[in-house]
All heavy atoms as atom14 arrays in JSON, in Angstrom:
{
  "sequence": "PDDPAGMAAALAGLFADRGIWEDRRAVARAFVE",
  "atom14_mask": [
    [1, 1, 1, 1, 1, 1, 1, 0, 0, 0, 0, 0, 0, 0],
    [1, 1, 1, 1, 1, 1, 1, 1, 0, 0, 0, 0, 0, 0],
    [1, 1, 1, 1, 1, 1, 1, 1, 0, 0, 0, 0, 0, 0],
    [1, 1, 1, 1, 1, 1, 1, 0, 0, 0, 0, 0, 0, 0],
    [1, 1, 1, 1, 1, 0, 0, 0, 0, 0, 0, 0, 0, 0],
    [1, 1, 1, 1, 0, 0, 0, 0, 0, 0, 0, 0, 0, 0],
    [1, 1, 1, 1, 1, 1, 1, 1, 0, 0, 0, 0, 0, 0],
    [1, 1, 1, 1, 1, 0, 0, 0, 0, 0, 0, 0, 0, 0],
    [1, 1, 1, 1, 1, 0, 0, 0, 0, 0, 0, 0, 0, 0],
    [1, 1, 1, 1, 1, 0, 0, 0, 0, 0, 0, 0, 0, 0],
    [1, 1, 1, 1, 1, 1, 1, 1, 0, 0, 0, 0, 0, 0],
    [1, 1, 1, 1, 1, 0, 0, 0, 0, 0, 0, 0, 0, 0],
    [1, 1, 1, 1, 0, 0, 0, 0, 0, 0, 0, 0, 0, 0],
    [1, 1, 1, 1, 1, 1, 1, 1, 0, 0, 0, 0, 0, 0],
    [1, 1, 1, 1, 1, 1, 1, 1, 1, 1, 1, 0, 0, 0],
    [1, 1, 1, 1, 1, 0, 0, 0, 0, 0, 0, 0, 0, 0],
    [1, 1, 1, 1, 1, 1, 1, 1, 0, 0, 0, 0, 0, 0],
    [1, 1, 1, 1, 1, 1, 1, 1, 1, 1, 1, 0, 0, 0],
    [1, 1, 1, 1, 0, 0, 0, 0, 0, 0, 0, 0, 0, 0],
    [1, 1, 1, 1, 1, 1, 1, 1, 0, 0, 0, 0, 0, 0],
    [1, 1, 1, 1, 1, 1, 1, 1, 1, 1, 1, 1, 1, 1],
    [1, 1, 1, 1, 1, 1, 1, 1, 1, 0, 0, 0, 0, 0],
    [1, 1, 1, 1, 1, 1, 1, 1, 0, 0, 0, 0, 0, 0],
    [1, 1, 1, 1, 1, 1, 1, 1, 1, 1, 1, 0, 0, 0],
    [1, 1, 1, 1, 1, 1, 1, 1, 1, 1, 1, 0, 0, 0],
    [1, 1, 1, 1, 1, 0, 0, 0, 0, 0, 0, 0, 0, 0],
    [1, 1, 1, 1, 1, 1, 1, 0, 0, 0, 0, 0, 0, 0],
    [1, 1, 1, 1, 1, 0, 0, 0, 0, 0, 0, 0, 0, 0],
    [1, 1, 1, 1, 1, 1, 1, 1, 1, 1, 1, 0, 0, 0],
    [1, 1, 1, 1, 1, 0, 0, 0, 0, 0, 0, 0, 0, 0],
    [1, 1, 1, 1, 1, 1, 1, 1, 1, 1, 1, 0, 0, 0],
    [1, 1, 1, 1, 1, 1, 1, 0, 0, 0, 0, 0, 0, 0],
    [1, 1, 1, 1, 1, 1, 1, 1, 1, 0, 0, 0, 0, 0]
  ],
  "atom14_positions": [
    [[21.86, 5.85, -16.03], [22.28, 5.62, -17.42], [22.01, 4.18, -17.86], [21.88, 3.29, -17.01], [23.79, 5.91, -17.37], [24.18, 5.63, -15.96], [23.0, 6.0, -15.12], [0.0, 0.0, 0.0], [0.0, 0.0, 0.0], [0.0, 0.0, 0.0], [0.0, 0.0, 0.0], [0.0, 0.0, 0.0], [0.0, 0.0, 0.0], [0.0, 0.0, 0.0]],
    [[21.9, 3.98, -19.17], [21.74, 2.64, -19.75], [20.49, 1.94, -19.2], [20.47, 0.71, -19.05], [22.98, 1.79, -19.47], [24.27, 2.49, -19.88], [24.41, 2.82, -21.07], [25.13, 2.72, -19.0], [0.0, 0.0, 0.0], [0.0, 0.0, 0.0], [0.0, 0.0, 0.0], [0.0, 0.0, 0.0], [0.0, 0.0, 0.0], [0.0, 0.0, 0.0]],
    [[19.44, 2.7, -18.94], [18.26, 2.15, -18.29], [17.0, 2.78, -18.91], [16.46, 3.76, -18.38], [18.32, 2.44, -16.79], [17.14, 1.87, -16.01], [16.25, 1.27, -16.63], [17.12, 2.04, -14.78], [0.0, 0.0, 0.0], [0.0, 0.0, 0.0], [0.0, 0.0, 0.0], [0.0, 0.0, 0.0], [0.0, 0.0, 0.0], [0.0, 0.0, 0.0]],
    [[16.49, 2.21, -20.03], [15.3, 2.79, -20.66], [14.1, 2.87, -19.74], [13.34, 3.85, -19.78], [15.05, 1.85, -21.85], [16.4, 1.29, -22.18], [17.08, 1.13, -20.85], [0.0, 0.0, 0.0], [0.0, 0.0, 0.0], [0.0, 0.0, 0.0], [0.0, 0.0, 0.0], [0.0, 0.0, 0.0], [0.0, 0.0, 0.0], [0.0, 0.0, 0.0]],
    [[13.91, 1.86, -18.89], [12.76, 1.88, -17.98], [12.87, 3.02, -16.97], [11.89, 3.74, -16.72], [12.64, 0.54, -17.25], [0.0, 0.0, 0.0], [0.0, 0.0, 0.0], [0.0, 0.0, 0.0], [0.0, 0.0, 0.0], [0.0, 0.0, 0.0], [0.0, 0.0, 0.0], [0.0, 0.0, 0.0], [0.0, 0.0, 0.0], [0.0, 0.0, 0.0]],
    [[14.06, 3.19, -16.41], [14.26, 4.29, -15.47], [14.1, 5.64, -16.13], [13.57, 6.59, -15.54], [0.0, 0.0, 0.0], [0.0, 0.0, 0.0], [0.0, 0.0, 0.0], [0.0, 0.0, 0.0], [0.0, 0.0, 0.0], [0.0, 0.0, 0.0], [0.0, 0.0, 0.0], [0.0, 0.0, 0.0], [0.0, 0.0, 0.0], [0.0, 0.0, 0.0]],
    [[14.58, 5.74, -17.38], [14.43, 6.99, -18.13], [12.96, 7.3, -18.38], [12.51, 8.44, -18.17], [15.18, 6.87, -19.47], [15.22, 8.15, -20.27], [15.84, 7.89, -21.97], [17.21, 6.78, -21.71], [0.0, 0.0, 0.0], [0.0, 0.0, 0.0], [0.0, 0.0, 0.0], [0.0, 0.0, 0.0], [0.0, 0.0, 0.0], [0.0, 0.0, 0.0]],
    [[12.2, 6.3, -18.81], [10.78, 6.51, -19.08], [10.04, 6.95, -17.82], [9.19, 7.85, -17.87], [10.17, 5.23, -19.65], [0.0, 0.0, 0.0], [0.0, 0.0, 0.0], [0.0, 0.0, 0.0], [0.0, 0.0, 0.0], [0.0, 0.0, 0.0], [0.0, 0.0, 0.0], [0.0, 0.0, 0.0], [0.0, 0.0, 0.0], [0.0, 0.0, 0.0]],
    [[10.37, 6.34, -16.69], [9.71, 6.7, -15.44], [10.03, 8.15, -15.05], [9.15, 8.89, -14.6], [10.14, 5.74, -14.33], [0.0, 0.0, 0.0], [0.0, 0.0, 0.0], [0.0, 0.0, 0.0], [0.0, 0.0, 0.0], [0.0, 0.0, 0.0], [0.0, 0.0, 0.0], [0.0, 0.0, 0.0], [0.0, 0.0, 0.0], [0.0, 0.0, 0.0]],
    [[11.29, 8.56, -15.22], [11.68, 9.93, -14.88], [10.98, 10.94, -15.78], [10.49, 11.98, -15.29], [13.2, 10.08, -14.98], [0.0, 0.0, 0.0], [0.0, 0.0, 0.0], [0.0, 0.0, 0.0], [0.0, 0.0, 0.0], [0.0, 0.0, 0.0], [0.0, 0.0, 0.0], [0.0, 0.0, 0.0], [0.0, 0.0, 0.0], [0.0, 0.0, 0.0]],
    [[10.91, 10.65, -17.06], [10.26, 11.57, -17.99], [8.76, 11.64, -17.73], [8.17, 12.74, -17.72], [10.53, 11.14, -19.44], [11.98, 11.26, -19.91], [12.17, 10.58, -21.27], [12.42, 12.71, -19.99], [0.0, 0.0, 0.0], [0.0, 0.0, 0.0], [0.0, 0.0, 0.0], [0.0, 0.0, 0.0], [0.0, 0.0, 0.0], [0.0, 0.0, 0.0]],
    [[8.13, 10.5, -17.49], [6.7, 10.5, -17.2], [6.41, 11.28, -15.92], [5.43, 12.03, -15.84], [6.21, 9.05, -17.07], [0.0, 0.0, 0.0], [0.0, 0.0, 0.0], [0.0, 0.0, 0.0], [0.0, 0.0, 0.0], [0.0, 0.0, 0.0], [0.0, 0.0, 0.0], [0.0, 0.0, 0.0], [0.0, 0.0, 0.0], [0.0, 0.0, 0.0]],
    [[7.27, 11.11, -14.91], [7.09, 11.84, -13.67], [7.21, 13.34, -13.85], [6.46, 14.12, -13.24], [0.0, 0.0, 0.0], [0.0, 0.0, 0.0], [0.0, 0.0, 0.0], [0.0, 0.0, 0.0], [0.0, 0.0, 0.0], [0.0, 0.0, 0.0], [0.0, 0.0, 0.0], [0.0, 0.0, 0.0], [0.0, 0.0, 0.0], [0.0, 0.0, 0.0]],
    [[8.11, 13.76, -14.71], [8.29, 15.18, -14.96], [7.09, 15.76, -15.71], [6.64, 16.87, -15.42], [9.58, 15.4, -15.76], [10.19, 16.8, -15.8], [10.29, 17.43, -14.41], [11.57, 16.76, -16.46], [0.0, 0.0, 0.0], [0.0, 0.0, 0.0], [0.0, 0.0, 0.0], [0.0, 0.0, 0.0], [0.0, 0.0, 0.0], [0.0, 0.0, 0.0]],
    [[6.56, 15.0, -16.68], [5.35, 15.47, -17.37], [4.17, 15.55, -16.42], [3.31, 16.43, -16.57], [5.01, 14.53, -18.54], [5.77, 14.82, -19.8], [6.59, 13.86, -20.36], [5.66, 16.05, -20.43], [7.3, 14.12, -21.54], [6.36, 16.32, -21.6], [7.18, 15.36, -22.15], [0.0, 0.0, 0.0], [0.0, 0.0, 0.0], [0.0, 0.0, 0.0]],
    [[4.13, 14.68, -15.43], [3.0, 14.66, -14.5], [3.07, 15.77, -13.46], [2.09, 16.01, -12.74], [2.93, 13.3, -13.8], [0.0, 0.0, 0.0], [0.0, 0.0, 0.0], [0.0, 0.0, 0.0], [0.0, 0.0, 0.0], [0.0, 0.0, 0.0], [0.0, 0.0, 0.0], [0.0, 0.0, 0.0], [0.0, 0.0, 0.0], [0.0, 0.0, 0.0]],
    [[4.2, 16.44, -13.37], [4.42, 17.44, -12.31], [4.68, 18.82, -12.93], [5.68, 19.46, -12.63], [5.59, 16.99, -11.43], [5.62, 17.72, -10.09], [4.65, 18.43, -9.77], [6.62, 17.57, -9.37], [0.0, 0.0, 0.0], [0.0, 0.0, 0.0], [0.0, 0.0, 0.0], [0.0, 0.0, 0.0], [0.0, 0.0, 0.0], [0.0, 0.0, 0.0]],
    [[3.8, 19.26, -13.78], [4.0, 20.53, -14.49], [4.03, 21.73, -13.56], [4.53, 22.8, -13.94], [2.9, 20.73, -15.54], [3.03, 19.79, -16.74], [1.89, 19.97, -17.74], [2.06, 19.09, -18.88], [2.62, 19.45, -20.04], [3.08, 20.68, -20.19], [2.72, 18.59, -21.02], [0.0, 0.0, 0.0], [0.0, 0.0, 0.0], [0.0, 0.0, 0.0]],
    [[3.55, 21.58, -12.35], [3.55, 22.7, -11.42], [4.94, 23.2, -11.06], [5.09, 24.35, -10.64], [0.0, 0.0, 0.0], [0.0, 0.0, 0.0], [0.0, 0.0, 0.0], [0.0, 0.0, 0.0], [0.0, 0.0, 0.0], [0.0, 0.0, 0.0], [0.0, 0.0, 0.0], [0.0, 0.0, 0.0], [0.0, 0.0, 0.0], [0.0, 0.0, 0.0]],
    [[5.96, 22.36, -11.23], [7.33, 22.77, -10.88], [8.07, 23.38, -12.07], [9.17, 23.9, -11.9], [8.15, 21.58, -10.34], [8.44, 20.57, -11.47], [7.47, 20.94, -9.15], [9.48, 19.53, -11.1], [0.0, 0.0, 0.0], [0.0, 0.0, 0.0], [0.0, 0.0, 0.0], [0.0, 0.0, 0.0], [0.0, 0.0, 0.0], [0.0, 0.0, 0.0]],
    [[7.49, 23.3, -13.26], [8.23, 23.63, -14.47], [8.74, 25.07, -14.48], [9.9, 25.31, -14.81], [7.37, 23.37, -15.7], [7.23, 21.93, -16.07], [7.46, 20.85, -15.26], [6.81, 21.4, -17.32], [7.21, 19.67, -15.92], [6.81, 19.98, -17.2], [6.42, 21.96, -18.53], [6.46, 19.13, -18.26], [6.06, 21.12, -19.59], [6.08, 19.73, -19.45]],
    [[7.89, 26.0, -14.16], [8.29, 27.41, -14.27], [9.45, 27.73, -13.35], [10.44, 28.36, -13.76], [7.1, 28.32, -13.95], [7.4, 29.8, -14.18], [6.17, 30.68, -14.0], [5.05, 30.14, -13.89], [6.33, 31.92, -13.96], [0.0, 0.0, 0.0], [0.0, 0.0, 0.0], [0.0, 0.0, 0.0], [0.0, 0.0, 0.0], [0.0, 0.0, 0.0]],
    [[9.37, 27.29, -12.09], [10.47, 27.55, -11.15], [11.73, 26.82, -11.58], [12.84, 27.36, -11.48], [10.07, 27.12, -9.74], [9.1, 28.09, -9.09], [8.93, 29.21, -9.61], [8.49, 27.71, -8.06], [0.0, 0.0, 0.0], [0.0, 0.0, 0.0], [0.0, 0.0, 0.0], [0.0, 0.0, 0.0], [0.0, 0.0, 0.0], [0.0, 0.0, 0.0]],
    [[11.61, 25.57, -12.03], [12.77, 24.8, -12.45], [13.5, 25.5, -13.6], [14.73, 25.61, -13.61], [12.31, 23.4, -12.88], [13.39, 22.5, -13.49], [14.3, 21.91, -12.45], [13.62, 21.1, -11.48], [13.31, 19.8, -11.64], [13.66, 19.17, -12.75], [12.7, 19.13, -10.68], [0.0, 0.0, 0.0], [0.0, 0.0, 0.0], [0.0, 0.0, 0.0]],
    [[12.74, 25.97, -14.58], [13.35, 26.67, -15.71], [14.07, 27.93, -15.25], [15.18, 28.22, -15.71], [12.27, 27.04, -16.73], [11.7, 25.87, -17.52], [10.47, 26.35, -18.26], [9.93, 25.34, -19.17], [8.66, 25.27, -19.53], [7.79, 26.15, -19.04], [8.25, 24.35, -20.36], [0.0, 0.0, 0.0], [0.0, 0.0, 0.0], [0.0, 0.0, 0.0]],
    [[13.45, 28.68, -14.37], [14.05, 29.93, -13.91], [15.34, 29.67, -13.13], [16.34, 30.38, -13.31], [13.05, 30.7, -13.04], [0.0, 0.0, 0.0], [0.0, 0.0, 0.0], [0.0, 0.0, 0.0], [0.0, 0.0, 0.0], [0.0, 0.0, 0.0], [0.0, 0.0, 0.0], [0.0, 0.0, 0.0], [0.0, 0.0, 0.0], [0.0, 0.0, 0.0]],
    [[15.34, 28.66, -12.27], [16.54, 28.34, -11.49], [17.66, 27.88, -12.4], [18.83, 28.27, -12.23], [16.21, 27.27, -10.43], [17.48, 26.74, -9.78], [15.27, 27.84, -9.37], [0.0, 0.0, 0.0], [0.0, 0.0, 0.0], [0.0, 0.0, 0.0], [0.0, 0.0, 0.0], [0.0, 0.0, 0.0], [0.0, 0.0, 0.0], [0.0, 0.0, 0.0]],
    [[17.33, 27.05, -13.39], [18.36, 26.54, -14.31], [18.95, 27.66, -15.15], [20.17, 27.74, -15.34], [17.75, 25.47, -15.21], [0.0, 0.0, 0.0], [0.0, 0.0, 0.0], [0.0, 0.0, 0.0], [0.0, 0.0, 0.0], [0.0, 0.0, 0.0], [0.0, 0.0, 0.0], [0.0, 0.0, 0.0], [0.0, 0.0, 0.0], [0.0, 0.0, 0.0]],
    [[18.11, 28.54, -15.66], [18.61, 29.66, -16.46], [19.49, 30.58, -15.61], [20.53, 31.07, -16.07], [17.45, 30.42, -17.08], [17.9, 31.58, -17.97], [16.71, 32.28, -18.6], [17.11, 33.56, -19.16], [17.55, 33.75, -20.39], [17.68, 32.72, -21.21], [17.89, 34.96, -20.82], [0.0, 0.0, 0.0], [0.0, 0.0, 0.0], [0.0, 0.0, 0.0]],
    [[19.08, 30.83, -14.38], [19.87, 31.68, -13.5], [21.24, 31.06, -13.24], [22.25, 31.77, -13.15], [19.12, 31.91, -12.19], [0.0, 0.0, 0.0], [0.0, 0.0, 0.0], [0.0, 0.0, 0.0], [0.0, 0.0, 0.0], [0.0, 0.0, 0.0], [0.0, 0.0, 0.0], [0.0, 0.0, 0.0], [0.0, 0.0, 0.0], [0.0, 0.0, 0.0]],
    [[21.29, 29.72, -13.11], [22.57, 29.04, -12.93], [23.49, 29.29, -14.12], [24.68, 29.59, -13.95], [22.32, 27.54, -12.75], [23.54, 26.68, -12.97], [24.55, 26.62, -12.02], [23.68, 25.93, -14.13], [25.68, 25.83, -12.22], [24.8, 25.14, -14.35], [25.8, 25.09, -13.39], [0.0, 0.0, 0.0], [0.0, 0.0, 0.0], [0.0, 0.0, 0.0]],
    [[22.96, 29.18, -15.33], [23.78, 29.41, -16.52], [24.26, 30.85, -16.57], [25.44, 31.13, -16.82], [22.99, 29.05, -17.8], [23.81, 29.39, -19.04], [22.63, 27.57, -17.8], [0.0, 0.0, 0.0], [0.0, 0.0, 0.0], [0.0, 0.0, 0.0], [0.0, 0.0, 0.0], [0.0, 0.0, 0.0], [0.0, 0.0, 0.0], [0.0, 0.0, 0.0]],
    [[23.36, 31.79, -16.32], [23.74, 33.2, -16.36], [24.81, 33.53, -15.33], [25.71, 34.32, -15.58], [22.51, 34.07, -16.13], [21.51, 34.06, -17.28], [20.31, 34.94, -16.98], [19.88, 34.99, -15.8], [19.79, 35.57, -17.92], [0.0, 0.0, 0.0], [0.0, 0.0, 0.0], [0.0, 0.0, 0.0], [0.0, 0.0, 0.0], [0.0, 0.0, 0.0]]
  ]
}
């Protein structure tokens, strides 16, 4: 928190790793359900 540089790095890393997106979305949705 309170760290724009750390936030930017985390977001950039997530955009660079699109291969995990589908599984991540499915696991998160299953958690909510």
